[in-house]
Amino acid sequence: MQIPWTWIVLVLVVVGLIVLKQRGQVPGDDARRLLAEGAVVIDVRSKAEFSSGHIEGAINLPLEVVAEKIATVAPDPDAPVFLHCMSGTRSAMAARKLRALGYKQVFNLGSLARAGKLCEEARGK
């Protein structure tokens, strides 16, 4: 039995997307340390998604406005900024935007579940 080429290509694309998304994520130990030191946590999901549930202390700046409003919540481009969304994809896009604006310590926490776990651990819960 031969595997159709379309399946092979589809699997390669999915694996590639997963690798790219995770490549930009900050390691857990680094995230916990910087969060404990007071890094800003920004949720780049929509306002509706944020209002349906979010991480305690997170600031909502949807992806569409994060570049224009970042200075209101993180005026120092040298201070650590953590981003997350539902899956880690939008937060990866937001991280690229902020780095282009000169923010030096921009980190992708990834998904809401991963970000929530890291924030809880940093708070000692």
Protein backbone atom coordinates (compact mmCIF):
# COMPACT_ATOMS: atom_id res chain seq x y z
CA MET A 1 0.00 0.00 0.00
CA GLN A 2 1.37 3.36 -1.03
CA ILE A 3 0.87 6.53 1.03
CA PRO A 4 -0.45 9.39 -1.12
CA TRP A 5 1.92 12.34 -1.46
CA THR A 6 -0.75 14.72 -0.19
CA TRP A 7 -0.70 13.01 3.21
CA ILE A 8 3.07 13.23 3.41
CA VAL A 9 3.02 16.92 2.53
CA LEU A 10 0.22 17.58 5.02
CA VAL A 11 2.11 15.87 7.84
CA LEU A 12 5.29 17.80 7.02
CA VAL A 13 3.41 21.11 7.01
CA VAL A 14 1.76 20.39 10.38
CA VAL A 15 5.06 19.34 11.96
CA GLY A 16 6.75 22.44 10.53
CA LEU A 17 4.09 24.74 11.99
CA ILE A 18 4.37 23.14 15.41
CA VAL A 19 8.15 23.49 15.41
CA LEU A 20 7.99 27.15 14.31
CA LYS A 21 5.42 28.01 16.97
CA GLN A 22 7.37 26.39 19.78
CA ARG A 23 10.74 27.73 18.63
CA GLY A 24 9.85 31.23 19.81
CA GLN A 25 8.64 30.17 23.26
CA VAL A 26 10.64 30.99 26.35
CA PRO A 27 11.85 28.01 28.43
CA GLY A 28 9.79 27.39 31.57
CA ASP A 29 12.57 28.08 34.10
CA ASP A 30 13.39 31.45 32.50
CA ALA A 31 9.70 32.36 32.34
CA ARG A 32 9.09 31.52 36.01
CA ARG A 33 12.10 33.58 37.11
CA LEU A 34 11.18 36.67 35.08
CA LEU A 35 7.52 36.42 36.05
CA ALA A 36 8.48 36.26 39.72
CA GLU A 37 10.54 39.42 39.13
CA GLY A 38 7.46 41.24 37.79
CA ALA A 39 7.46 40.85 34.01
CA VAL A 40 4.37 42.26 32.26
CA VAL A 41 1.96 39.57 30.98
CA ILE A 42 -0.04 40.51 27.90
CA ASP A 43 -2.92 38.48 26.51
CA VAL A 44 -3.24 39.18 22.77
CA ARG A 45 -6.59 37.44 22.36
CA SER A 46 -9.72 39.40 21.47
CA LYS A 47 -11.62 41.30 24.16
CA ALA A 48 -14.40 38.70 24.03
CA GLU A 49 -11.94 35.85 24.53
CA PHE A 50 -10.26 37.72 27.38
CA SER A 51 -13.57 38.42 29.13
CA SER A 52 -14.52 34.75 28.95
CA GLY A 53 -11.51 33.91 31.13
CA HIS A 54 -7.94 35.08 31.57
CA ILE A 55 -4.82 34.82 33.70
CA GLU A 56 -4.86 36.84 36.90
CA GLY A 57 -2.93 40.07 36.36
CA ALA A 58 -2.73 39.74 32.57
CA ILE A 59 -3.36 42.83 30.44
CA ASN A 60 -5.50 42.50 27.32
CA LEU A 61 -4.00 44.04 24.19
CA PRO A 62 -5.49 42.23 21.19
CA LEU A 63 -3.06 41.40 18.38
CA GLU A 64 -4.63 44.06 16.15
CA VAL A 65 -3.68 46.87 18.58
CA VAL A 66 -0.68 45.52 20.47
CA ALA A 67 1.89 47.49 18.45
CA GLU A 68 0.10 50.82 18.79
CA LYS A 69 -0.79 50.46 22.49
CA ILE A 70 2.21 48.61 23.95
CA ALA A 71 3.82 51.82 25.26
CA THR A 72 0.81 52.43 27.52
CA VAL A 73 1.44 49.21 29.49
CA ALA A 74 5.15 48.63 28.87
CA PRO A 75 6.87 51.98 28.29
CA ASP A 76 10.38 50.59 28.85
CA PRO A 77 11.54 48.62 25.78
CA ASP A 78 14.22 46.96 27.94
CA ALA A 79 11.76 45.49 30.48
CA PRO A 80 10.60 41.87 30.02
CA VAL A 81 7.24 41.41 28.31
CA PHE A 82 5.43 38.08 28.11
CA LEU A 83 2.79 37.40 25.49
CA HIS A 84 0.25 34.62 25.16
CA CYS A 85 -2.96 33.77 23.32
CA MET A 86 -5.10 30.66 22.96
CA SER A 87 -2.55 28.52 21.10
CA GLY A 88 0.67 30.54 20.89
CA THR A 89 0.34 31.57 17.25
CA ARG A 90 -0.99 35.11 17.71
CA SER A 91 1.43 35.73 20.56
CA ALA A 92 4.31 34.70 18.26
CA MET A 93 3.10 37.27 15.70
CA ALA A 94 2.79 39.92 18.44
CA ALA A 95 6.34 39.15 19.62
CA ARG A 96 7.69 39.81 16.12
CA LYS A 97 5.81 43.13 15.99
CA LEU A 98 7.17 44.27 19.36
CA ARG A 99 10.74 43.28 18.51
CA ALA A 100 10.44 45.34 15.33
CA LEU A 101 9.45 48.29 17.55
CA GLY A 102 12.65 47.88 19.58
CA TYR A 103 11.42 45.82 22.53
CA LYS A 104 14.39 43.69 23.52
CA GLN A 105 12.98 41.23 26.07
CA VAL A 106 9.81 40.00 24.38
CA PHE A 107 8.90 36.39 25.12
CA ASN A 108 6.13 34.13 23.89
CA LEU A 109 4.59 32.12 26.72
CA GLY A 110 2.57 30.21 24.14
CA SER A 111 -0.92 28.96 24.84
CA LEU A 112 -3.29 30.17 27.53
CA ALA A 113 -2.90 26.86 29.36
CA ARG A 114 0.92 27.00 29.34
CA ALA A 115 0.98 30.68 30.30
CA GLY A 116 -1.48 30.10 33.14
CA LYS A 117 0.57 27.23 34.53
CA LEU A 118 3.83 29.23 34.40
CA CYS A 119 2.22 32.28 36.03
CA GLU A 120 0.76 30.14 38.82
CA GLU A 121 4.14 28.50 39.42
CA ALA A 122 5.86 31.90 39.49
CA ARG A 123 3.35 33.08 42.13
CA GLY A 124 3.98 29.93 44.14
CA LYS A 125 0.48 28.50 43.78
